[in-house]
Amino acid sequence: MDWHDDEALSARIRAMGRRQRHQAAYLALRRLQAPLLGMEMPDDWGIDPAALDSLIRRSGERLDGEADEVFQQAIGQLTSAPLFDSEIELGLAESFQLEAVNGWLMLGEALGEMNETQTETLVYLARELADYLDGIMENSRV
């Protein structure tokens, strides 16, 4: 099956309510949590690991799809990091980290609305990043 064009998944997402779409996006990104938190962020990115951890934890606690003050603070801390104000050269690990962080931020920014397009974007992003990591791991064993 080609996961890049999964009409059955798209149909399931269209049939979901907002709360279910949020849960689907969260669960898709959840697969990236351990690799993301397990990799050390470059110091010059200025990302506070505690803020990233808080965003991920609060995402799981906000499965109703609604934001709260602590969640919004974590998003604010992350989006104000120097990383988002500069152009940087990315290696393999940094590319994964940046895309995964962006996925978690998109999830946070979609709270309260989480439409079908946002859900599909996040689910496919998580699938792509997981496939990317799997490929890196597979190639490193060869």
N, C-alpha and C. Protein backbone atom coordinates (compact mmCIF):
# COMPACT_ATOMS: atom_id res chain seq x y z
N MET A 1 0.84 -1.19 0.00
CA MET A 1 0.00 0.00 0.00
C MET A 1 0.89 1.25 0.00
N ASP A 2 0.50 2.22 -0.79
CA ASP A 2 1.22 3.48 -0.84
C ASP A 2 0.62 4.43 0.20
N TRP A 3 1.34 4.65 1.29
CA TRP A 3 0.81 5.50 2.36
C TRP A 3 0.79 6.97 1.97
N HIS A 4 1.46 7.31 0.86
CA HIS A 4 1.44 8.70 0.40
C HIS A 4 0.07 9.10 -0.14
N ASP A 5 -0.69 8.12 -0.59
CA ASP A 5 -2.01 8.39 -1.17
C ASP A 5 -2.98 7.35 -0.63
N ASP A 6 -3.41 7.54 0.59
CA ASP A 6 -4.25 6.58 1.29
C ASP A 6 -5.68 7.12 1.36
N GLU A 7 -6.47 6.80 0.34
CA GLU A 7 -7.83 7.32 0.27
C GLU A 7 -8.70 6.82 1.42
N ALA A 8 -8.44 5.60 1.88
CA ALA A 8 -9.22 5.07 3.01
C ALA A 8 -8.97 5.91 4.27
N LEU A 9 -7.73 6.28 4.49
CA LEU A 9 -7.42 7.14 5.64
C LEU A 9 -8.08 8.50 5.48
N SER A 10 -7.98 9.06 4.31
CA SER A 10 -8.62 10.36 4.06
C SER A 10 -10.12 10.30 4.30
N ALA A 11 -10.76 9.21 3.88
CA ALA A 11 -12.20 9.06 4.10
C ALA A 11 -12.51 8.94 5.59
N ARG A 12 -11.68 8.22 6.33
CA ARG A 12 -11.90 8.10 7.77
C ARG A 12 -11.75 9.46 8.45
N ILE A 13 -10.78 10.23 8.02
CA ILE A 13 -10.58 11.57 8.61
C ILE A 13 -11.78 12.46 8.31
N ARG A 14 -12.30 12.39 7.08
CA ARG A 14 -13.47 13.20 6.73
C ARG A 14 -14.68 12.84 7.58
N ALA A 15 -14.77 11.59 8.00
CA ALA A 15 -15.92 11.14 8.80
C ALA A 15 -15.78 11.48 10.28
N MET A 16 -14.62 11.92 10.72
CA MET A 16 -14.38 12.22 12.13
C MET A 16 -14.91 13.58 12.53
N GLY A 17 -15.23 13.70 13.81
CA GLY A 17 -15.53 15.00 14.39
C GLY A 17 -14.23 15.69 14.78
N ARG A 18 -14.32 16.95 15.17
CA ARG A 18 -13.12 17.73 15.52
C ARG A 18 -12.30 17.04 16.61
N ARG A 19 -12.94 16.58 17.65
CA ARG A 19 -12.23 15.93 18.76
C ARG A 19 -11.50 14.68 18.28
N GLN A 20 -12.14 13.87 17.45
CA GLN A 20 -11.50 12.67 16.92
C GLN A 20 -10.33 13.02 16.01
N ARG A 21 -10.50 14.09 15.23
CA ARG A 21 -9.39 14.51 14.35
C ARG A 21 -8.18 14.93 15.18
N HIS A 22 -8.42 15.65 16.27
CA HIS A 22 -7.32 16.04 17.15
C HIS A 22 -6.64 14.79 17.72
N GLN A 23 -7.42 13.85 18.16
CA GLN A 23 -6.85 12.63 18.73
C GLN A 23 -6.04 11.87 17.68
N ALA A 24 -6.55 11.79 16.46
CA ALA A 24 -5.83 11.10 15.38
C ALA A 24 -4.49 11.78 15.10
N ALA A 25 -4.50 13.10 15.03
CA ALA A 25 -3.26 13.84 14.77
C ALA A 25 -2.27 13.65 15.93
N TYR A 26 -2.78 13.74 17.15
CA TYR A 26 -1.92 13.54 18.33
C TYR A 26 -1.29 12.14 18.30
N LEU A 27 -2.10 11.13 18.06
CA LEU A 27 -1.58 9.76 18.08
C LEU A 27 -0.57 9.52 16.96
N ALA A 28 -0.78 10.16 15.81
CA ALA A 28 0.19 10.04 14.72
C ALA A 28 1.53 10.67 15.13
N LEU A 29 1.48 11.86 15.72
CA LEU A 29 2.71 12.53 16.15
C LEU A 29 3.36 11.83 17.33
N ARG A 30 2.58 11.13 18.11
CA ARG A 30 3.09 10.45 19.32
C ARG A 30 4.21 9.48 18.98
N ARG A 31 4.14 8.89 17.79
CA ARG A 31 5.20 7.96 17.37
C ARG A 31 6.57 8.65 17.27
N LEU A 32 6.55 9.96 17.08
CA LEU A 32 7.79 10.71 16.93
C LEU A 32 8.33 11.23 18.26
N GLN A 33 7.54 11.10 19.32
CA GLN A 33 7.91 11.68 20.61
C GLN A 33 9.25 11.16 21.13
N ALA A 34 9.41 9.87 21.24
CA ALA A 34 10.64 9.31 21.82
C ALA A 34 11.88 9.68 21.02
N PRO A 35 11.85 9.53 19.68
CA PRO A 35 13.05 9.95 18.95
C PRO A 35 13.34 11.44 19.09
N LEU A 36 12.29 12.25 19.07
CA LEU A 36 12.49 13.70 19.18
C LEU A 36 13.08 14.08 20.52
N LEU A 37 12.50 13.57 21.59
CA LEU A 37 12.99 13.93 22.92
C LEU A 37 14.32 13.25 23.24
N GLY A 38 14.62 12.16 22.54
CA GLY A 38 15.87 11.45 22.78
C GLY A 38 17.07 12.05 22.08
N MET A 39 16.83 12.95 21.15
CA MET A 39 17.93 13.59 20.41
C MET A 39 18.24 14.94 21.04
N GLU A 40 19.50 15.21 21.23
CA GLU A 40 19.88 16.49 21.79
C GLU A 40 19.71 17.58 20.73
N MET A 41 19.04 18.65 21.11
CA MET A 41 18.84 19.78 20.21
C MET A 41 20.12 20.61 20.14
N PRO A 42 20.44 21.14 18.96
CA PRO A 42 21.58 22.04 18.87
C PRO A 42 21.39 23.25 19.80
N ASP A 43 22.43 23.62 20.53
CA ASP A 43 22.35 24.73 21.48
C ASP A 43 21.92 26.04 20.83
N ASP A 44 22.42 26.30 19.62
CA ASP A 44 22.12 27.59 18.98
C ASP A 44 20.67 27.70 18.53
N TRP A 45 19.91 26.62 18.59
CA TRP A 45 18.49 26.70 18.27
C TRP A 45 17.72 27.41 19.37
N GLY A 46 18.21 27.34 20.58
CA GLY A 46 17.56 28.01 21.70
C GLY A 46 16.25 27.38 22.13
N ILE A 47 16.06 26.11 21.81
CA ILE A 47 14.82 25.44 22.20
C ILE A 47 14.99 24.89 23.61
N ASP A 48 14.08 25.28 24.47
CA ASP A 48 14.07 24.80 25.84
C ASP A 48 13.46 23.40 25.84
N PRO A 49 14.25 22.37 26.19
CA PRO A 49 13.71 21.01 26.20
C PRO A 49 12.48 20.86 27.10
N ALA A 50 12.44 21.63 28.18
CA ALA A 50 11.28 21.56 29.09
C ALA A 50 10.03 22.09 28.40
N ALA A 51 10.16 23.13 27.57
CA ALA A 51 9.01 23.66 26.84
C ALA A 51 8.52 22.66 25.81
N LEU A 52 9.45 22.01 25.13
CA LEU A 52 9.07 20.99 24.15
C LEU A 52 8.38 19.81 24.84
N ASP A 53 8.94 19.37 25.94
CA ASP A 53 8.34 18.27 26.70
C ASP A 53 6.94 18.68 27.19
N SER A 54 6.81 19.91 27.65
CA SER A 54 5.52 20.40 28.13
C SER A 54 4.49 20.42 27.00
N LEU A 55 4.90 20.88 25.83
CA LEU A 55 3.99 20.91 24.69
C LEU A 55 3.49 19.50 24.36
N ILE A 56 4.41 18.55 24.33
CA ILE A 56 4.04 17.19 23.99
C ILE A 56 3.14 16.59 25.07
N ARG A 57 3.49 16.78 26.32
CA ARG A 57 2.67 16.25 27.42
C ARG A 57 1.28 16.89 27.41
N ARG A 58 1.24 18.20 27.27
CA ARG A 58 -0.04 18.91 27.29
C ARG A 58 -0.90 18.53 26.07
N SER A 59 -0.27 18.20 24.96
CA SER A 59 -1.04 17.74 23.79
C SER A 59 -1.83 16.49 24.14
N GLY A 60 -1.20 15.60 24.87
CA GLY A 60 -1.87 14.38 25.30
C GLY A 60 -2.97 14.63 26.30
N GLU A 61 -2.81 15.66 27.11
CA GLU A 61 -3.83 16.00 28.09
C GLU A 61 -4.97 16.80 27.48
N ARG A 62 -4.76 17.33 26.29
CA ARG A 62 -5.77 18.17 25.63
C ARG A 62 -6.46 17.37 24.53
N LEU A 63 -6.72 16.11 24.76
CA LEU A 63 -7.33 15.28 23.72
C LEU A 63 -8.75 15.73 23.37
N ASP A 64 -9.28 16.67 24.14
CA ASP A 64 -10.57 17.24 23.77
C ASP A 64 -10.41 18.28 22.66
N GLY A 65 -9.15 18.61 22.34
CA GLY A 65 -8.89 19.54 21.25
C GLY A 65 -8.97 21.00 21.63
N GLU A 66 -9.06 21.28 22.91
CA GLU A 66 -9.13 22.67 23.37
C GLU A 66 -7.82 23.07 24.03
N ALA A 67 -7.40 24.30 23.83
CA ALA A 67 -6.16 24.81 24.40
C ALA A 67 -6.39 25.29 25.83
N ASP A 68 -5.32 25.36 26.59
CA ASP A 68 -5.36 25.98 27.91
C ASP A 68 -4.14 26.89 28.04
N GLU A 69 -4.05 27.61 29.13
CA GLU A 69 -2.99 28.60 29.30
C GLU A 69 -1.59 27.97 29.28
N VAL A 70 -1.41 26.85 29.97
CA VAL A 70 -0.09 26.20 30.03
C VAL A 70 0.32 25.74 28.63
N PHE A 71 -0.63 25.21 27.89
CA PHE A 71 -0.37 24.76 26.54
C PHE A 71 0.05 25.94 25.66
N GLN A 72 -0.66 27.04 25.76
CA GLN A 72 -0.34 28.23 24.98
C GLN A 72 1.03 28.79 25.36
N GLN A 73 1.39 28.72 26.64
CA GLN A 73 2.71 29.19 27.08
C GLN A 73 3.81 28.34 26.45
N ALA A 74 3.62 27.03 26.41
CA ALA A 74 4.63 26.15 25.80
C ALA A 74 4.80 26.47 24.32
N ILE A 75 3.71 26.71 23.62
CA ILE A 75 3.78 27.09 22.20
C ILE A 75 4.52 28.42 22.06
N GLY A 76 4.18 29.38 22.91
CA GLY A 76 4.85 30.68 22.87
C GLY A 76 6.34 30.58 23.11
N GLN A 77 6.75 29.77 24.08
CA GLN A 77 8.17 29.60 24.37
C GLN A 77 8.90 28.99 23.18
N LEU A 78 8.30 27.99 22.58
CA LEU A 78 8.96 27.32 21.46
C LEU A 78 9.04 28.23 20.23
N THR A 79 7.96 28.92 19.92
CA THR A 79 7.97 29.75 18.71
C THR A 79 8.83 30.99 18.85
N SER A 80 9.21 31.34 20.07
CA SER A 80 10.10 32.49 20.25
C SER A 80 11.58 32.08 20.28
N ALA A 81 11.86 30.81 20.09
CA ALA A 81 13.25 30.34 20.08
C ALA A 81 14.00 30.93 18.88
N PRO A 82 15.29 31.22 19.05
CA PRO A 82 16.09 31.78 17.95
C PRO A 82 16.06 30.96 16.67
N LEU A 83 15.81 29.68 16.79
CA LEU A 83 15.73 28.80 15.62
C LEU A 83 14.77 29.34 14.57
N PHE A 84 13.67 29.89 15.00
CA PHE A 84 12.63 30.33 14.07
C PHE A 84 12.89 31.71 13.50
N ASP A 85 13.98 32.34 13.91
CA ASP A 85 14.34 33.66 13.40
C ASP A 85 15.58 33.64 12.51
N SER A 86 16.08 32.45 12.20
CA SER A 86 17.33 32.38 11.46
C SER A 86 17.26 31.29 10.40
N GLU A 87 18.21 31.37 9.48
CA GLU A 87 18.37 30.32 8.48
C GLU A 87 19.54 29.46 8.93
N ILE A 88 19.34 28.15 8.90
CA ILE A 88 20.36 27.25 9.40
C ILE A 88 20.57 26.10 8.42
N GLU A 89 21.78 25.54 8.46
CA GLU A 89 22.10 24.33 7.71
C GLU A 89 21.61 23.15 8.53
N LEU A 90 20.93 22.23 7.88
CA LEU A 90 20.38 21.09 8.60
C LEU A 90 21.04 19.79 8.16
N GLY A 91 21.43 18.99 9.13
CA GLY A 91 21.85 17.63 8.88
C GLY A 91 20.63 16.72 8.95
N LEU A 92 20.84 15.43 8.87
CA LEU A 92 19.73 14.48 8.91
C LEU A 92 18.94 14.58 10.22
N ALA A 93 19.64 14.55 11.34
CA ALA A 93 18.97 14.59 12.64
C ALA A 93 18.26 15.92 12.83
N GLU A 94 18.92 17.01 12.48
CA GLU A 94 18.32 18.33 12.66
C GLU A 94 17.09 18.51 11.78
N SER A 95 17.13 17.96 10.58
CA SER A 95 15.99 18.04 9.69
C SER A 95 14.78 17.33 10.31
N PHE A 96 15.01 16.14 10.83
CA PHE A 96 13.93 15.41 11.51
C PHE A 96 13.41 16.21 12.70
N GLN A 97 14.33 16.72 13.52
CA GLN A 97 13.93 17.46 14.72
C GLN A 97 13.07 18.66 14.35
N LEU A 98 13.51 19.44 13.39
CA LEU A 98 12.77 20.64 12.99
C LEU A 98 11.38 20.28 12.48
N GLU A 99 11.29 19.29 11.63
CA GLU A 99 9.97 18.89 11.10
C GLU A 99 9.07 18.35 12.20
N ALA A 100 9.63 17.57 13.13
CA ALA A 100 8.82 17.03 14.23
C ALA A 100 8.34 18.16 15.15
N VAL A 101 9.22 19.09 15.49
CA VAL A 101 8.82 20.23 16.32
C VAL A 101 7.72 21.01 15.61
N ASN A 102 7.89 21.23 14.32
CA ASN A 102 6.85 21.95 13.56
C ASN A 102 5.52 21.20 13.59
N GLY A 103 5.57 19.88 13.53
CA GLY A 103 4.34 19.10 13.61
C GLY A 103 3.63 19.30 14.93
N TRP A 104 4.39 19.27 16.03
CA TRP A 104 3.78 19.49 17.35
C TRP A 104 3.23 20.91 17.46
N LEU A 105 3.95 21.88 16.89
CA LEU A 105 3.44 23.26 16.92
C LEU A 105 2.17 23.40 16.09
N MET A 106 2.13 22.74 14.93
CA MET A 106 0.91 22.79 14.11
C MET A 106 -0.27 22.17 14.85
N LEU A 107 0.00 21.10 15.58
CA LEU A 107 -1.06 20.49 16.38
C LEU A 107 -1.59 21.49 17.40
N GLY A 108 -0.67 22.16 18.09
CA GLY A 108 -1.08 23.14 19.08
C GLY A 108 -1.84 24.30 18.49
N GLU A 109 -1.40 24.77 17.34
CA GLU A 109 -2.06 25.91 16.70
C GLU A 109 -3.43 25.55 16.15
N ALA A 110 -3.67 24.27 15.90
CA ALA A 110 -4.96 23.84 15.35
C ALA A 110 -5.99 23.55 16.43
N LEU A 111 -5.60 23.62 17.68
CA LEU A 111 -6.56 23.34 18.75
C LEU A 111 -7.76 24.27 18.63
N GLY A 112 -8.91 23.71 18.88
CA GLY A 112 -10.14 24.49 18.80
C GLY A 112 -10.77 24.45 17.43
N GLU A 113 -10.01 24.05 16.40
CA GLU A 113 -10.60 23.97 15.07
C GLU A 113 -10.32 22.63 14.41
N MET A 114 -9.11 22.16 14.38
CA MET A 114 -8.66 20.89 13.81
C MET A 114 -9.57 20.40 12.67
N ASN A 115 -9.42 21.03 11.53
CA ASN A 115 -10.22 20.64 10.38
C ASN A 115 -9.59 19.43 9.67
N GLU A 116 -10.26 18.95 8.65
CA GLU A 116 -9.81 17.75 7.93
C GLU A 116 -8.44 17.95 7.30
N THR A 117 -8.22 19.10 6.70
CA THR A 117 -6.95 19.37 6.03
C THR A 117 -5.80 19.38 7.03
N GLN A 118 -5.99 20.05 8.16
CA GLN A 118 -4.95 20.08 9.19
C GLN A 118 -4.65 18.68 9.70
N THR A 119 -5.69 17.90 9.90
CA THR A 119 -5.51 16.54 10.38
C THR A 119 -4.72 15.71 9.38
N GLU A 120 -5.13 15.76 8.12
CA GLU A 120 -4.40 15.00 7.09
C GLU A 120 -2.95 15.45 7.01
N THR A 121 -2.72 16.75 7.07
CA THR A 121 -1.35 17.27 7.00
C THR A 121 -0.50 16.68 8.13
N LEU A 122 -1.03 16.68 9.34
CA LEU A 122 -0.27 16.18 10.49
C LEU A 122 -0.08 14.66 10.44
N VAL A 123 -1.10 13.94 10.06
CA VAL A 123 -0.99 12.48 9.98
C VAL A 123 0.04 12.09 8.92
N TYR A 124 -0.03 12.73 7.77
CA TYR A 124 0.92 12.40 6.71
C TYR A 124 2.34 12.88 7.06
N LEU A 125 2.47 14.01 7.74
CA LEU A 125 3.78 14.46 8.19
C LEU A 125 4.39 13.42 9.14
N ALA A 126 3.58 12.96 10.09
CA ALA A 126 4.08 11.96 11.04
C ALA A 126 4.46 10.67 10.33
N ARG A 127 3.66 10.25 9.37
CA ARG A 127 3.99 9.05 8.60
C ARG A 127 5.30 9.23 7.84
N GLU A 128 5.45 10.38 7.21
CA GLU A 128 6.66 10.65 6.42
C GLU A 128 7.90 10.67 7.31
N LEU A 129 7.80 11.33 8.46
CA LEU A 129 8.94 11.40 9.36
C LEU A 129 9.27 10.03 9.95
N ALA A 130 8.26 9.25 10.28
CA ALA A 130 8.50 7.91 10.80
C ALA A 130 9.16 7.04 9.73
N ASP A 131 8.71 7.16 8.50
CA ASP A 131 9.31 6.42 7.39
C ASP A 131 10.76 6.86 7.19
N TYR A 132 11.00 8.15 7.29
CA TYR A 132 12.35 8.71 7.16
C TYR A 132 13.27 8.13 8.24
N LEU A 133 12.80 8.13 9.48
CA LEU A 133 13.59 7.57 10.59
C LEU A 133 13.83 6.08 10.39
N ASP A 134 12.79 5.37 9.99
CA ASP A 134 12.94 3.93 9.74
C ASP A 134 14.01 3.68 8.68
N GLY A 135 14.00 4.49 7.63
CA GLY A 135 15.01 4.35 6.58
C GLY A 135 16.41 4.62 7.08
N ILE A 136 16.56 5.65 7.90
CA ILE A 136 17.88 5.96 8.46
C ILE A 136 18.37 4.80 9.34
N MET A 137 17.47 4.29 10.16
CA MET A 137 17.84 3.18 11.04
C MET A 137 18.18 1.93 10.24
N GLU A 138 17.40 1.65 9.21
CA GLU A 138 17.65 0.48 8.37
C GLU A 138 19.00 0.61 7.68
N ASN A 139 19.30 1.78 7.13
CA ASN A 139 20.57 2.00 6.44
C ASN A 139 21.76 1.99 7.39
N SER A 140 21.54 2.36 8.65
CA SER A 140 22.66 2.37 9.59
C SER A 140 23.05 0.97 10.03
N ARG A 141 22.15 -0.01 9.85
CA ARG A 141 22.46 -1.39 10.21
C ARG A 141 23.16 -2.13 9.11
N VAL A 142 23.15 -1.60 7.90
CA VAL A 142 23.74 -2.28 6.75
C VAL A 142 25.24 -2.15 6.77
